[in-house]
């Protein structure tokens, strides 16, 4: 079964809520050391003692970046997948930011996310941007595996974005990027 990706109209879809849900049996542990005037960082995938449930809502057209575009897949009148992109960065050096990529659980592993990421890469090339990037969590193992399969690389992280215990809680936002 193939699904058609379409550009969603802001007037119709702004504020539409989607709920991300997944689980993790392993997370990336982050170790940061400072020695002899040098920093070293190590990310290691580690099994969890207990499965971590990931679930949070997000709304469409929430990005504050420039030229926000949301692409979606509609099946039988229902939104089953979506991706929000915007242009961010300095005017002379912008990148495409994917602020949301979501596929309904029943439609996963059917190539929809791959098609959406392909659209993001194409948009970045067409607009002369230098990269596509996004944030995902150090515990979102399935998303990380997917993005790596799409040739995204680790380009950074924020070890205290939500609390001073983000590393211990496996709650570190990882920045992944596809460089053009």
N, C-alpha and C. Protein backbone atom coordinates (compact mmCIF):
# COMPACT_ATOMS: atom_id res chain seq x y z
N UNK A 1 0.84 -1.17 0.00
CA UNK A 1 0.00 0.00 0.00
C UNK A 1 0.89 1.24 0.00
N UNK A 2 0.66 2.17 -0.90
CA UNK A 2 1.43 3.40 -0.92
C UNK A 2 0.57 4.53 -0.37
N UNK A 3 1.23 5.50 0.22
CA UNK A 3 0.55 6.64 0.80
C UNK A 3 1.08 7.91 0.18
N UNK A 4 0.20 8.83 -0.13
CA UNK A 4 0.57 10.09 -0.75
C UNK A 4 0.88 11.13 0.32
N UNK A 5 2.04 11.76 0.20
CA UNK A 5 2.42 12.83 1.10
C UNK A 5 1.94 14.15 0.49
N UNK A 6 1.31 14.98 1.31
CA UNK A 6 0.83 16.27 0.81
C UNK A 6 1.23 17.39 1.76
N UNK A 7 1.32 18.58 1.20
CA UNK A 7 1.60 19.77 1.99
C UNK A 7 0.30 20.15 2.70
N UNK A 8 0.35 20.27 4.02
CA UNK A 8 -0.85 20.56 4.79
C UNK A 8 -1.08 22.07 4.90
N UNK A 9 -2.34 22.47 4.82
CA UNK A 9 -2.71 23.89 4.91
C UNK A 9 -2.71 24.33 6.37
N UNK A 10 -2.01 25.43 6.63
CA UNK A 10 -1.91 25.94 8.00
C UNK A 10 -3.28 26.26 8.58
N UNK A 11 -4.13 26.89 7.79
CA UNK A 11 -5.45 27.29 8.28
C UNK A 11 -6.26 26.10 8.77
N UNK A 12 -6.10 24.96 8.14
CA UNK A 12 -6.87 23.77 8.50
C UNK A 12 -6.22 22.96 9.62
N UNK A 13 -4.89 22.90 9.64
CA UNK A 13 -4.20 21.95 10.51
C UNK A 13 -3.48 22.57 11.71
N UNK A 14 -3.37 23.89 11.77
CA UNK A 14 -2.66 24.50 12.90
C UNK A 14 -3.30 24.11 14.22
N UNK A 15 -2.49 23.64 15.14
CA UNK A 15 -2.95 23.24 16.46
C UNK A 15 -3.42 21.79 16.54
N UNK A 16 -3.46 21.09 15.40
CA UNK A 16 -3.85 19.67 15.42
C UNK A 16 -2.84 18.89 16.27
N UNK A 17 -3.34 18.12 17.22
CA UNK A 17 -2.46 17.40 18.13
C UNK A 17 -2.15 16.00 17.62
N UNK A 18 -0.87 15.64 17.72
CA UNK A 18 -0.43 14.28 17.46
C UNK A 18 0.26 13.79 18.73
N UNK A 19 0.17 12.51 19.00
CA UNK A 19 0.77 11.95 20.22
C UNK A 19 1.86 10.97 19.82
N UNK A 20 3.08 11.33 20.19
CA UNK A 20 4.21 10.43 19.97
C UNK A 20 4.13 9.33 21.01
N UNK A 21 4.31 8.09 20.58
CA UNK A 21 4.35 7.00 21.54
C UNK A 21 5.31 5.93 21.02
N UNK A 22 6.12 5.44 21.92
CA UNK A 22 7.08 4.39 21.60
C UNK A 22 7.57 3.83 22.93
N UNK A 23 8.56 2.97 22.85
CA UNK A 23 9.17 2.42 24.04
C UNK A 23 10.65 2.27 23.78
N UNK A 24 11.40 2.11 24.85
CA UNK A 24 12.84 1.89 24.72
C UNK A 24 13.26 0.79 25.68
N UNK A 25 14.01 -0.16 25.14
CA UNK A 25 14.62 -1.19 25.97
C UNK A 25 16.09 -0.88 26.21
N UNK A 26 16.59 0.11 25.48
CA UNK A 26 17.96 0.57 25.69
C UNK A 26 18.01 2.07 25.40
N UNK A 27 19.00 2.70 25.96
CA UNK A 27 19.21 4.14 25.80
C UNK A 27 20.70 4.41 25.62
N UNK A 28 21.01 5.61 25.16
CA UNK A 28 22.41 5.99 25.03
C UNK A 28 22.86 6.67 26.31
N UNK A 29 23.81 6.05 26.97
CA UNK A 29 24.44 6.64 28.15
C UNK A 29 25.50 7.61 27.65
N UNK A 30 25.58 8.75 28.29
CA UNK A 30 26.54 9.78 27.89
C UNK A 30 27.53 10.00 29.02
N UNK A 31 28.80 9.90 28.67
CA UNK A 31 29.88 10.11 29.64
C UNK A 31 30.73 11.28 29.13
N UNK A 32 30.88 12.30 29.96
CA UNK A 32 31.66 13.49 29.60
C UNK A 32 32.82 13.59 30.59
N UNK A 33 34.03 13.69 30.07
CA UNK A 33 35.22 13.82 30.91
C UNK A 33 35.99 15.07 30.52
N UNK A 34 36.63 15.67 31.52
CA UNK A 34 37.53 16.79 31.28
C UNK A 34 38.87 16.43 31.88
N UNK A 35 39.89 16.32 31.02
CA UNK A 35 41.24 15.97 31.48
C UNK A 35 42.26 16.70 30.64
N UNK A 36 43.30 17.21 31.28
CA UNK A 36 44.42 17.81 30.58
C UNK A 36 43.97 18.80 29.50
N UNK A 37 43.10 19.73 29.89
CA UNK A 37 42.60 20.75 28.97
C UNK A 37 41.89 20.19 27.75
N UNK A 38 41.25 19.04 27.90
CA UNK A 38 40.52 18.43 26.78
C UNK A 38 39.21 17.83 27.30
N UNK A 39 38.21 17.89 26.46
CA UNK A 39 36.94 17.24 26.74
C UNK A 39 36.87 15.97 25.93
N UNK A 40 36.28 14.93 26.52
CA UNK A 40 35.97 13.73 25.74
C UNK A 40 34.53 13.33 26.06
N UNK A 41 33.85 12.88 25.04
CA UNK A 41 32.45 12.49 25.18
C UNK A 41 32.30 11.09 24.60
N UNK A 42 31.59 10.25 25.32
CA UNK A 42 31.35 8.88 24.86
C UNK A 42 29.85 8.59 25.00
N UNK A 43 29.23 8.14 23.92
CA UNK A 43 27.84 7.71 23.94
C UNK A 43 27.83 6.21 23.71
N UNK A 44 27.24 5.49 24.64
CA UNK A 44 27.21 4.03 24.56
C UNK A 44 25.78 3.54 24.74
N UNK A 45 25.33 2.71 23.82
CA UNK A 45 23.99 2.14 23.93
C UNK A 45 24.00 1.08 25.03
N UNK A 46 23.10 1.24 26.00
CA UNK A 46 23.03 0.33 27.14
C UNK A 46 21.61 -0.17 27.34
N UNK A 47 21.48 -1.42 27.69
CA UNK A 47 20.17 -2.00 27.99
C UNK A 47 19.64 -1.41 29.29
N UNK A 48 18.33 -1.22 29.32
CA UNK A 48 17.67 -0.72 30.52
C UNK A 48 17.15 -1.90 31.35
N UNK A 49 17.11 -1.73 32.66
CA UNK A 49 16.55 -2.77 33.52
C UNK A 49 15.05 -2.90 33.30
N UNK A 50 14.41 -1.78 33.02
CA UNK A 50 12.96 -1.74 32.83
C UNK A 50 12.67 -0.95 31.56
N UNK A 51 11.74 -1.44 30.76
CA UNK A 51 11.34 -0.75 29.53
C UNK A 51 10.85 0.67 29.86
N UNK A 52 11.32 1.63 29.05
CA UNK A 52 10.91 3.02 29.22
C UNK A 52 9.82 3.31 28.20
N UNK A 53 8.69 3.86 28.66
CA UNK A 53 7.59 4.23 27.79
C UNK A 53 7.76 5.70 27.42
N UNK A 54 7.65 5.99 26.14
CA UNK A 54 7.79 7.36 25.64
C UNK A 54 6.43 7.77 25.10
N UNK A 55 5.89 8.86 25.64
CA UNK A 55 4.59 9.33 25.17
C UNK A 55 4.46 10.81 25.48
N UNK A 56 4.23 11.61 24.44
CA UNK A 56 4.01 13.04 24.66
C UNK A 56 3.28 13.62 23.46
N UNK A 57 2.42 14.62 23.72
CA UNK A 57 1.69 15.26 22.64
C UNK A 57 2.48 16.43 22.04
N UNK A 58 2.17 16.73 20.81
CA UNK A 58 2.74 17.90 20.14
C UNK A 58 1.70 18.39 19.14
N UNK A 59 1.75 19.67 18.81
CA UNK A 59 0.79 20.21 17.85
C UNK A 59 1.47 20.62 16.56
N UNK A 60 0.72 20.56 15.48
CA UNK A 60 1.24 20.96 14.17
C UNK A 60 1.34 22.48 14.07
N UNK A 61 2.29 22.94 13.29
CA UNK A 61 2.56 24.36 13.07
C UNK A 61 2.94 25.06 14.37
N UNK A 62 3.73 24.40 15.19
CA UNK A 62 4.18 25.00 16.45
C UNK A 62 5.55 25.67 16.33
N UNK A 63 6.26 25.42 15.25
CA UNK A 63 7.63 25.91 15.09
C UNK A 63 7.65 27.44 14.97
N UNK A 64 8.71 28.03 15.51
CA UNK A 64 8.88 29.48 15.40
C UNK A 64 9.87 29.85 14.30
N UNK A 65 10.37 28.86 13.56
CA UNK A 65 11.30 29.13 12.48
C UNK A 65 10.64 29.81 11.29
N UNK A 66 11.44 30.14 10.29
CA UNK A 66 10.94 30.80 9.08
C UNK A 66 10.40 29.75 8.10
N UNK A 67 9.43 30.16 7.34
CA UNK A 67 8.89 29.34 6.26
C UNK A 67 8.52 27.93 6.72
N UNK A 68 7.66 27.87 7.74
CA UNK A 68 7.23 26.59 8.29
C UNK A 68 6.36 25.87 7.26
N UNK A 69 6.70 24.61 7.00
CA UNK A 69 5.90 23.76 6.12
C UNK A 69 5.67 22.44 6.83
N UNK A 70 4.42 21.98 6.77
CA UNK A 70 4.07 20.70 7.37
C UNK A 70 3.57 19.78 6.26
N UNK A 71 4.15 18.61 6.21
CA UNK A 71 3.78 17.60 5.23
C UNK A 71 3.07 16.48 5.98
N UNK A 72 2.05 15.91 5.36
CA UNK A 72 1.31 14.87 6.05
C UNK A 72 0.81 13.80 5.11
N UNK A 73 0.41 12.71 5.71
CA UNK A 73 -0.21 11.58 4.99
C UNK A 73 -1.58 11.38 5.62
N UNK A 74 -2.60 11.41 4.78
CA UNK A 74 -3.97 11.24 5.22
C UNK A 74 -4.51 9.95 4.65
N UNK A 75 -5.11 9.14 5.52
CA UNK A 75 -5.71 7.88 5.10
C UNK A 75 -7.14 7.86 5.64
N UNK A 76 -8.08 7.71 4.75
CA UNK A 76 -9.49 7.65 5.12
C UNK A 76 -9.90 8.85 5.99
N UNK A 77 -9.42 10.03 5.59
CA UNK A 77 -9.77 11.26 6.29
C UNK A 77 -9.00 11.53 7.56
N UNK A 78 -8.13 10.62 7.97
CA UNK A 78 -7.36 10.78 9.21
C UNK A 78 -5.88 11.03 8.91
N UNK A 79 -5.28 11.96 9.65
CA UNK A 79 -3.85 12.19 9.54
C UNK A 79 -3.14 11.01 10.19
N UNK A 80 -2.29 10.32 9.43
CA UNK A 80 -1.58 9.14 9.96
C UNK A 80 -0.08 9.37 10.09
N UNK A 81 0.41 10.49 9.53
CA UNK A 81 1.84 10.80 9.63
C UNK A 81 2.02 12.28 9.32
N UNK A 82 3.05 12.85 9.90
CA UNK A 82 3.32 14.26 9.64
C UNK A 82 4.76 14.62 9.92
N UNK A 83 5.20 15.68 9.25
CA UNK A 83 6.55 16.20 9.45
C UNK A 83 6.49 17.71 9.33
N UNK A 84 7.00 18.40 10.33
CA UNK A 84 7.06 19.86 10.31
C UNK A 84 8.50 20.29 10.09
N UNK A 85 8.70 21.21 9.14
CA UNK A 85 10.04 21.71 8.83
C UNK A 85 10.01 23.23 8.84
N UNK A 86 11.16 23.82 9.12
CA UNK A 86 11.31 25.27 9.04
C UNK A 86 12.77 25.59 8.74
N UNK A 87 12.99 26.79 8.27
CA UNK A 87 14.35 27.23 7.98
C UNK A 87 14.85 28.00 9.19
N UNK A 88 16.02 27.60 9.68
CA UNK A 88 16.58 28.22 10.87
C UNK A 88 18.05 28.55 10.65
N UNK A 89 18.54 29.50 11.40
CA UNK A 89 19.94 29.89 11.31
C UNK A 89 20.08 31.27 10.70
N UNK A 90 21.31 31.67 10.51
CA UNK A 90 21.60 32.98 9.95
C UNK A 90 21.16 33.03 8.50
N UNK A 91 20.82 34.23 8.05
CA UNK A 91 20.34 34.40 6.68
C UNK A 91 21.33 33.91 5.64
N UNK A 92 22.62 34.03 5.91
CA UNK A 92 23.62 33.61 4.92
C UNK A 92 24.09 32.17 5.13
N UNK A 93 23.51 31.47 6.11
CA UNK A 93 23.98 30.13 6.41
C UNK A 93 22.87 29.25 7.01
N UNK A 94 21.69 29.22 6.39
CA UNK A 94 20.55 28.53 7.01
C UNK A 94 20.58 27.01 6.84
N UNK A 95 19.82 26.36 7.73
CA UNK A 95 19.63 24.91 7.69
C UNK A 95 18.13 24.62 7.78
N UNK A 96 17.74 23.42 7.38
CA UNK A 96 16.35 22.99 7.51
C UNK A 96 16.22 22.21 8.81
N UNK A 97 15.28 22.62 9.63
CA UNK A 97 15.05 21.97 10.91
C UNK A 97 13.77 21.15 10.83
N UNK A 98 13.85 19.88 11.21
CA UNK A 98 12.68 19.03 11.33
C UNK A 98 12.27 19.09 12.81
N UNK A 99 11.19 19.82 13.09
CA UNK A 99 10.77 19.98 14.48
C UNK A 99 9.79 18.89 14.91
N UNK A 100 9.28 18.14 13.94
CA UNK A 100 8.33 17.08 14.25
C UNK A 100 8.36 16.05 13.14
N UNK A 101 8.46 14.80 13.51
CA UNK A 101 8.31 13.68 12.56
C UNK A 101 7.55 12.60 13.32
N UNK A 102 6.35 12.31 12.84
CA UNK A 102 5.47 11.40 13.56
C UNK A 102 4.76 10.48 12.58
N UNK A 103 4.69 9.20 12.92
CA UNK A 103 3.91 8.23 12.16
C UNK A 103 3.07 7.44 13.15
N UNK A 104 1.77 7.37 12.90
CA UNK A 104 0.87 6.60 13.76
C UNK A 104 1.39 5.16 13.87
N UNK A 105 1.29 4.60 15.06
CA UNK A 105 1.82 3.26 15.34
C UNK A 105 1.37 2.20 14.33
N UNK A 106 0.13 2.27 13.89
CA UNK A 106 -0.41 1.26 12.96
C UNK A 106 0.21 1.35 11.56
N UNK A 107 0.87 2.46 11.26
CA UNK A 107 1.40 2.68 9.91
C UNK A 107 2.93 2.67 9.86
N UNK A 108 3.55 2.32 10.96
CA UNK A 108 5.02 2.31 10.99
C UNK A 108 5.58 1.14 10.19
N UNK A 109 6.83 1.30 9.77
CA UNK A 109 7.58 0.28 9.01
C UNK A 109 6.96 0.01 7.64
N UNK A 110 6.38 1.07 7.06
CA UNK A 110 5.80 0.98 5.72
C UNK A 110 6.46 1.98 4.77
N UNK A 111 7.56 2.59 5.20
CA UNK A 111 8.30 3.52 4.34
C UNK A 111 7.82 4.96 4.41
N UNK A 112 6.84 5.26 5.25
CA UNK A 112 6.30 6.62 5.31
C UNK A 112 7.32 7.60 5.88
N UNK A 113 7.97 7.26 6.97
CA UNK A 113 8.97 8.15 7.57
C UNK A 113 10.13 8.37 6.60
N UNK A 114 10.52 7.32 5.89
CA UNK A 114 11.59 7.46 4.89
C UNK A 114 11.19 8.45 3.81
N UNK A 115 9.95 8.38 3.36
CA UNK A 115 9.46 9.32 2.34
C UNK A 115 9.43 10.75 2.88
N UNK A 116 9.00 10.92 4.12
CA UNK A 116 8.97 12.25 4.70
C UNK A 116 10.39 12.84 4.82
N UNK A 117 11.33 12.04 5.28
CA UNK A 117 12.72 12.53 5.40
C UNK A 117 13.28 12.85 4.02
N UNK A 118 12.93 12.07 3.04
CA UNK A 118 13.36 12.34 1.66
C UNK A 118 12.84 13.70 1.18
N UNK A 119 11.62 14.02 1.55
CA UNK A 119 11.05 15.33 1.20
C UNK A 119 11.83 16.45 1.88
N UNK A 120 12.19 16.25 3.14
CA UNK A 120 12.99 17.25 3.86
C UNK A 120 14.34 17.46 3.18
N UNK A 121 15.00 16.38 2.82
CA UNK A 121 16.29 16.49 2.14
C UNK A 121 16.13 17.21 0.81
N UNK A 122 15.10 16.89 0.07
CA UNK A 122 14.85 17.55 -1.23
C UNK A 122 14.56 19.03 -1.04
N UNK A 123 13.77 19.36 -0.02
CA UNK A 123 13.47 20.77 0.24
C UNK A 123 14.76 21.53 0.55
N UNK A 124 15.62 20.94 1.35
CA UNK A 124 16.88 21.60 1.71
C UNK A 124 17.74 21.83 0.48
N UNK A 125 17.81 20.85 -0.41
CA UNK A 125 18.60 20.99 -1.63
C UNK A 125 18.01 22.07 -2.53
N UNK A 126 16.69 22.03 -2.73
CA UNK A 126 16.02 23.00 -3.59
C UNK A 126 16.19 24.43 -3.09
N UNK A 127 16.22 24.61 -1.77
CA UNK A 127 16.32 25.95 -1.20
C UNK A 127 17.77 26.36 -0.95
N UNK A 128 18.73 25.52 -1.35
CA UNK A 128 20.14 25.87 -1.22
C UNK A 128 20.63 25.89 0.22
N UNK A 129 20.06 25.06 1.06
CA UNK A 129 20.47 25.00 2.46
C UNK A 129 21.64 24.04 2.62
N UNK A 130 22.35 24.13 3.73
CA UNK A 130 23.57 23.32 3.89
C UNK A 130 23.37 22.04 4.68
N UNK A 131 22.21 21.89 5.35
CA UNK A 131 22.00 20.70 6.17
C UNK A 131 20.53 20.57 6.55
N UNK A 132 20.18 19.37 6.98
CA UNK A 132 18.90 19.08 7.61
C UNK A 132 19.25 18.59 9.01
N UNK A 133 18.57 19.10 10.02
CA UNK A 133 18.87 18.62 11.37
C UNK A 133 17.61 18.51 12.20
N UNK A 134 17.73 17.80 13.33
CA UNK A 134 16.59 17.56 14.21
C UNK A 134 17.11 17.22 15.59
N UNK A 135 16.19 17.15 16.53
CA UNK A 135 16.51 16.72 17.89
C UNK A 135 15.72 15.46 18.18
N UNK A 136 16.36 14.52 18.86
CA UNK A 136 15.66 13.35 19.39
C UNK A 136 16.29 13.04 20.74
N UNK A 137 15.65 12.21 21.52
CA UNK A 137 16.12 11.95 22.88
C UNK A 137 17.07 10.76 22.92
N UNK A 138 17.98 10.80 23.87
CA UNK A 138 18.97 9.72 24.03
C UNK A 138 18.33 8.38 24.35
N UNK A 139 17.07 8.38 24.75
CA UNK A 139 16.37 7.13 25.03
C UNK A 139 15.46 6.71 23.87
N UNK A 140 15.38 7.49 22.83
CA UNK A 140 14.48 7.17 21.72
C UNK A 140 15.22 6.29 20.71
N UNK A 141 15.51 5.06 21.13
CA UNK A 141 16.37 4.16 20.35
C UNK A 141 15.85 3.89 18.95
N UNK A 142 14.54 3.75 18.78
CA UNK A 142 14.01 3.45 17.44
C UNK A 142 14.17 4.64 16.50
N UNK A 143 13.93 5.84 17.01
CA UNK A 143 14.12 7.03 16.19
C UNK A 143 15.59 7.20 15.81
N UNK A 144 16.49 7.00 16.77
CA UNK A 144 17.92 7.13 16.49
C UNK A 144 18.35 6.14 15.42
N UNK A 145 17.92 4.89 15.56
CA UNK A 145 18.25 3.87 14.55
C UNK A 145 17.72 4.28 13.17
N UNK A 146 16.51 4.79 13.13
CA UNK A 146 15.93 5.22 11.86
C UNK A 146 16.75 6.35 11.25
N UNK A 147 17.04 7.39 12.02
CA UNK A 147 17.78 8.53 11.47
C UNK A 147 19.18 8.13 11.02
N UNK A 148 19.84 7.27 11.76
CA UNK A 148 21.16 6.78 11.34
C UNK A 148 21.02 6.03 10.00
N UNK A 149 19.95 5.26 9.84
CA UNK A 149 19.73 4.55 8.57
C UNK A 149 19.50 5.52 7.41
N UNK A 150 19.12 6.76 7.74
CA UNK A 150 18.90 7.79 6.72
C UNK A 150 20.13 8.69 6.57
N UNK A 151 21.26 8.24 7.10
CA UNK A 151 22.56 8.91 7.01
C UNK A 151 22.66 10.20 7.83
N UNK A 152 21.89 10.31 8.90
CA UNK A 152 22.07 11.40 9.83
C UNK A 152 23.19 11.03 10.78
N UNK A 153 23.94 12.03 11.22
CA UNK A 153 25.07 11.84 12.13
C UNK A 153 24.85 12.69 13.38
N UNK A 154 25.47 12.30 14.47
CA UNK A 154 25.43 13.10 15.68
C UNK A 154 26.19 14.40 15.44
N UNK A 155 25.52 15.54 15.68
CA UNK A 155 26.19 16.84 15.50
C UNK A 155 26.22 17.64 16.81
N UNK A 156 25.63 17.10 17.87
CA UNK A 156 25.67 17.78 19.16
C UNK A 156 24.63 17.24 20.12
N UNK A 157 24.60 17.82 21.32
CA UNK A 157 23.62 17.44 22.33
C UNK A 157 23.58 18.52 23.39
N UNK A 158 22.54 18.48 24.24
CA UNK A 158 22.40 19.41 25.36
C UNK A 158 22.20 18.59 26.62
N UNK A 159 23.24 18.49 27.43
CA UNK A 159 23.24 17.60 28.59
C UNK A 159 22.41 18.09 29.77
N UNK A 160 21.88 19.31 29.69
CA UNK A 160 21.03 19.80 30.80
C UNK A 160 19.86 20.61 30.28
N UNK A 161 19.24 20.16 29.20
CA UNK A 161 18.12 20.88 28.59
C UNK A 161 16.90 20.92 29.48
N UNK A 162 16.61 19.84 30.17
CA UNK A 162 15.38 19.74 30.96
C UNK A 162 15.63 19.78 32.46
N UNK A 163 16.78 19.25 32.90
CA UNK A 163 17.13 19.24 34.31
C UNK A 163 18.63 19.01 34.43
N UNK A 164 19.13 19.10 35.64
CA UNK A 164 20.54 18.83 35.86
C UNK A 164 20.83 17.33 35.94
N UNK A 165 19.80 16.51 35.81
CA UNK A 165 19.95 15.06 35.85
C UNK A 165 19.60 14.40 34.51
N UNK A 166 19.61 15.16 33.43
CA UNK A 166 19.24 14.61 32.12
C UNK A 166 20.10 13.41 31.73
N UNK A 167 21.39 13.47 31.99
CA UNK A 167 22.27 12.36 31.63
C UNK A 167 21.87 11.10 32.39
N UNK A 168 21.65 11.24 33.69
CA UNK A 168 21.29 10.09 34.51
C UNK A 168 19.91 9.52 34.14
N UNK A 169 19.02 10.40 33.67
CA UNK A 169 17.66 9.99 33.31
C UNK A 169 17.54 9.57 31.83
N UNK A 170 18.65 9.55 31.10
CA UNK A 170 18.64 9.25 29.66
C UNK A 170 17.66 10.17 28.93
N UNK A 171 17.68 11.43 29.31
CA UNK A 171 16.72 12.39 28.78
C UNK A 171 17.45 13.54 28.09
N UNK A 172 18.51 13.20 27.36
CA UNK A 172 19.34 14.21 26.71
C UNK A 172 18.91 14.38 25.26
N UNK A 173 18.60 15.62 24.85
CA UNK A 173 18.30 15.83 23.44
C UNK A 173 19.59 15.71 22.61
N UNK A 174 19.55 14.80 21.65
CA UNK A 174 20.66 14.64 20.71
C UNK A 174 20.32 15.39 19.44
N UNK A 175 21.27 16.12 18.91
CA UNK A 175 21.10 16.79 17.61
C UNK A 175 21.71 15.88 16.55
N UNK A 176 20.88 15.51 15.59
CA UNK A 176 21.34 14.69 14.48
C UNK A 176 21.22 15.51 13.21
N UNK A 177 22.21 15.39 12.33
CA UNK A 177 22.20 16.18 11.12
C UNK A 177 22.57 15.40 9.88
N UNK A 178 22.00 15.83 8.78
CA UNK A 178 22.31 15.31 7.45
C UNK A 178 22.94 16.48 6.71
N UNK A 179 24.24 16.39 6.45
CA UNK A 179 24.96 17.50 5.84
C UNK A 179 24.94 17.38 4.31
N UNK A 180 24.60 18.48 3.66
CA UNK A 180 24.52 18.49 2.19
C UNK A 180 25.79 18.99 1.57
